[in-house]
């Protein structure tokens, strides 16, 4: 199964926040393939640089890759158009999450998040599969 992490799920895991253990469990799940879109990776990097400095941000980035989480940096026209469509339809949706959801939809994966208020409407509309880790 393919899982697409959002920034919050990655931050929860690397910061040891509540729910981070669920991400750890995904990493240990046989045949689970985890990815993170570069836009969400940018948010993760920004979070750790702002909070702890560039050295920690670089270490987190290295750890993401060492755990086998793929950072997807491609965004083809079909995906960015889908992201724009989702953002237009669901006004509270952050652009980074719209891109992540569009990518998860493209690969028939599960979008991993804790953002119930922004993403529950998409889950209710079956836009793609969601895993709300907390």
Protein backbone atom coordinates (compact mmCIF):
# COMPACT_ATOMS: atom_id res chain seq x y z
CA UNK A 1 0.00 0.00 0.00
CA UNK A 2 1.20 3.50 -0.84
CA UNK A 3 1.03 6.15 1.86
CA UNK A 4 1.56 9.85 1.19
CA UNK A 5 2.61 11.76 4.31
CA UNK A 6 1.63 15.34 4.93
CA UNK A 7 3.87 17.76 6.80
CA UNK A 8 2.05 17.25 10.12
CA UNK A 9 2.52 13.49 10.08
CA UNK A 10 6.22 13.88 9.37
CA UNK A 11 6.65 16.53 12.05
CA UNK A 12 4.74 14.43 14.59
CA UNK A 13 7.05 11.49 13.90
CA UNK A 14 10.33 13.41 14.05
CA UNK A 15 9.27 15.64 16.96
CA UNK A 16 7.94 12.71 18.99
CA UNK A 17 4.49 14.29 19.15
CA UNK A 18 1.27 12.44 19.88
CA UNK A 19 0.36 10.19 17.01
CA UNK A 20 3.93 9.90 15.81
CA UNK A 21 3.93 6.24 16.83
CA UNK A 22 1.35 5.60 14.10
CA UNK A 23 3.86 6.82 11.53
CA UNK A 24 6.49 4.57 13.10
CA UNK A 25 4.07 1.67 12.71
CA UNK A 26 3.63 2.50 9.01
CA UNK A 27 7.41 2.49 8.56
CA UNK A 28 7.50 -1.02 10.04
CA UNK A 29 4.57 -2.31 7.99
CA UNK A 30 5.67 -4.81 5.34
CA UNK A 31 4.91 -3.66 1.80
CA UNK A 32 4.03 -0.12 2.94
CA UNK A 33 5.59 2.45 0.65
CA UNK A 34 5.82 5.93 2.15
CA UNK A 35 6.33 9.14 0.24
CA UNK A 36 6.26 12.85 0.91
CA UNK A 37 5.71 15.44 -1.78
CA UNK A 38 8.51 18.03 -2.00
CA UNK A 39 6.07 20.83 -1.09
CA UNK A 40 5.25 19.04 2.18
CA UNK A 41 8.95 18.25 2.67
CA UNK A 42 9.58 22.00 2.37
CA UNK A 43 7.10 22.60 5.20
CA UNK A 44 8.83 19.96 7.34
CA UNK A 45 12.25 21.45 6.63
CA UNK A 46 10.95 24.96 7.38
CA UNK A 47 9.44 23.77 10.69
CA UNK A 48 12.70 22.27 11.92
CA UNK A 49 14.90 25.10 10.65
CA UNK A 50 12.69 27.70 12.34
CA UNK A 51 12.47 25.70 15.57
CA UNK A 52 15.96 24.14 15.81
CA UNK A 53 18.19 25.57 13.08
CA UNK A 54 19.45 24.45 9.70
CA UNK A 55 21.61 21.59 11.04
CA UNK A 56 18.60 19.88 12.61
CA UNK A 57 16.50 20.52 9.50
CA UNK A 58 19.20 18.88 7.37
CA UNK A 59 19.40 15.93 9.78
CA UNK A 60 15.63 15.44 9.59
CA UNK A 61 15.82 15.52 5.79
CA UNK A 62 18.60 12.92 5.88
CA UNK A 63 16.53 10.80 8.28
CA UNK A 64 13.47 11.01 6.03
CA UNK A 65 15.49 9.55 3.18
CA UNK A 66 17.26 6.98 5.37
CA UNK A 67 13.87 5.64 6.52
CA UNK A 68 13.08 4.96 2.88
CA UNK A 69 10.50 7.74 2.58
CA UNK A 70 10.62 8.94 -0.99
CA UNK A 71 10.50 12.68 -1.58
CA UNK A 72 8.50 13.14 -4.77
CA UNK A 73 9.48 16.33 -6.53
CA UNK A 74 7.59 15.90 -9.78
CA UNK A 75 4.28 17.58 -10.34
CA UNK A 76 2.81 16.91 -13.74
CA UNK A 77 0.04 19.10 -15.18
CA UNK A 78 -2.69 16.59 -14.34
CA UNK A 79 -1.63 16.56 -10.69
CA UNK A 80 -1.28 20.32 -10.25
CA UNK A 81 -4.57 20.91 -12.03
CA UNK A 82 -6.24 18.41 -9.70
CA UNK A 83 -4.63 20.20 -6.73
CA UNK A 84 -5.96 23.53 -8.00
CA UNK A 85 -9.42 22.00 -8.48
CA UNK A 86 -9.39 20.66 -4.91
CA UNK A 87 -8.19 23.99 -3.50
CA UNK A 88 -10.95 25.82 -5.40
CA UNK A 89 -13.63 23.42 -4.19
CA UNK A 90 -12.46 23.04 -0.58
CA UNK A 91 -11.63 26.59 0.46
CA UNK A 92 -9.97 25.71 3.80
CA UNK A 93 -7.56 23.27 2.17
CA UNK A 94 -3.90 24.30 2.27
CA UNK A 95 -2.14 24.24 -1.09
CA UNK A 96 0.54 21.79 0.14
CA UNK A 97 -2.18 19.39 1.27
CA UNK A 98 -4.04 19.84 -2.01
CA UNK A 99 -0.89 18.77 -3.85
CA UNK A 100 -0.38 15.83 -1.47
CA UNK A 101 -3.99 14.70 -1.86
CA UNK A 102 -3.82 15.04 -5.65
CA UNK A 103 -0.65 12.95 -5.65
CA UNK A 104 -2.21 10.32 -3.34
CA UNK A 105 -5.22 10.19 -5.65
CA UNK A 106 -2.95 9.78 -8.68
CA UNK A 107 -1.09 6.79 -7.20
CA UNK A 108 -4.22 5.37 -5.51
CA UNK A 109 -2.56 5.83 -2.15
CA UNK A 110 -3.62 6.85 1.32
CA UNK A 111 -3.05 10.44 2.47
CA UNK A 112 -1.72 10.44 6.05
CA UNK A 113 -2.71 13.48 8.11
CA UNK A 114 -4.10 14.75 11.38
CA UNK A 115 -5.87 17.74 9.83
CA UNK A 116 -9.46 16.69 10.42
CA UNK A 117 -10.98 20.15 10.02
CA UNK A 118 -9.43 20.77 6.60
CA UNK A 119 -9.47 17.24 5.20
CA UNK A 120 -12.52 15.51 6.65
CA UNK A 121 -14.76 17.05 3.96
CA UNK A 122 -12.51 15.47 1.29
CA UNK A 123 -12.61 12.13 3.11
CA UNK A 124 -16.41 12.36 3.34
CA UNK A 125 -16.53 12.99 -0.42
CA UNK A 126 -14.22 9.99 -1.07
CA UNK A 127 -11.66 12.14 -2.91
CA UNK A 128 -9.04 9.56 -1.93
CA UNK A 129 -8.34 7.31 1.04
CA UNK A 130 -7.24 9.03 4.24
CA UNK A 131 -5.53 7.85 7.41
CA UNK A 132 -6.10 10.29 10.27
CA UNK A 133 -3.33 9.31 12.65
CA UNK A 134 -4.69 11.27 15.62
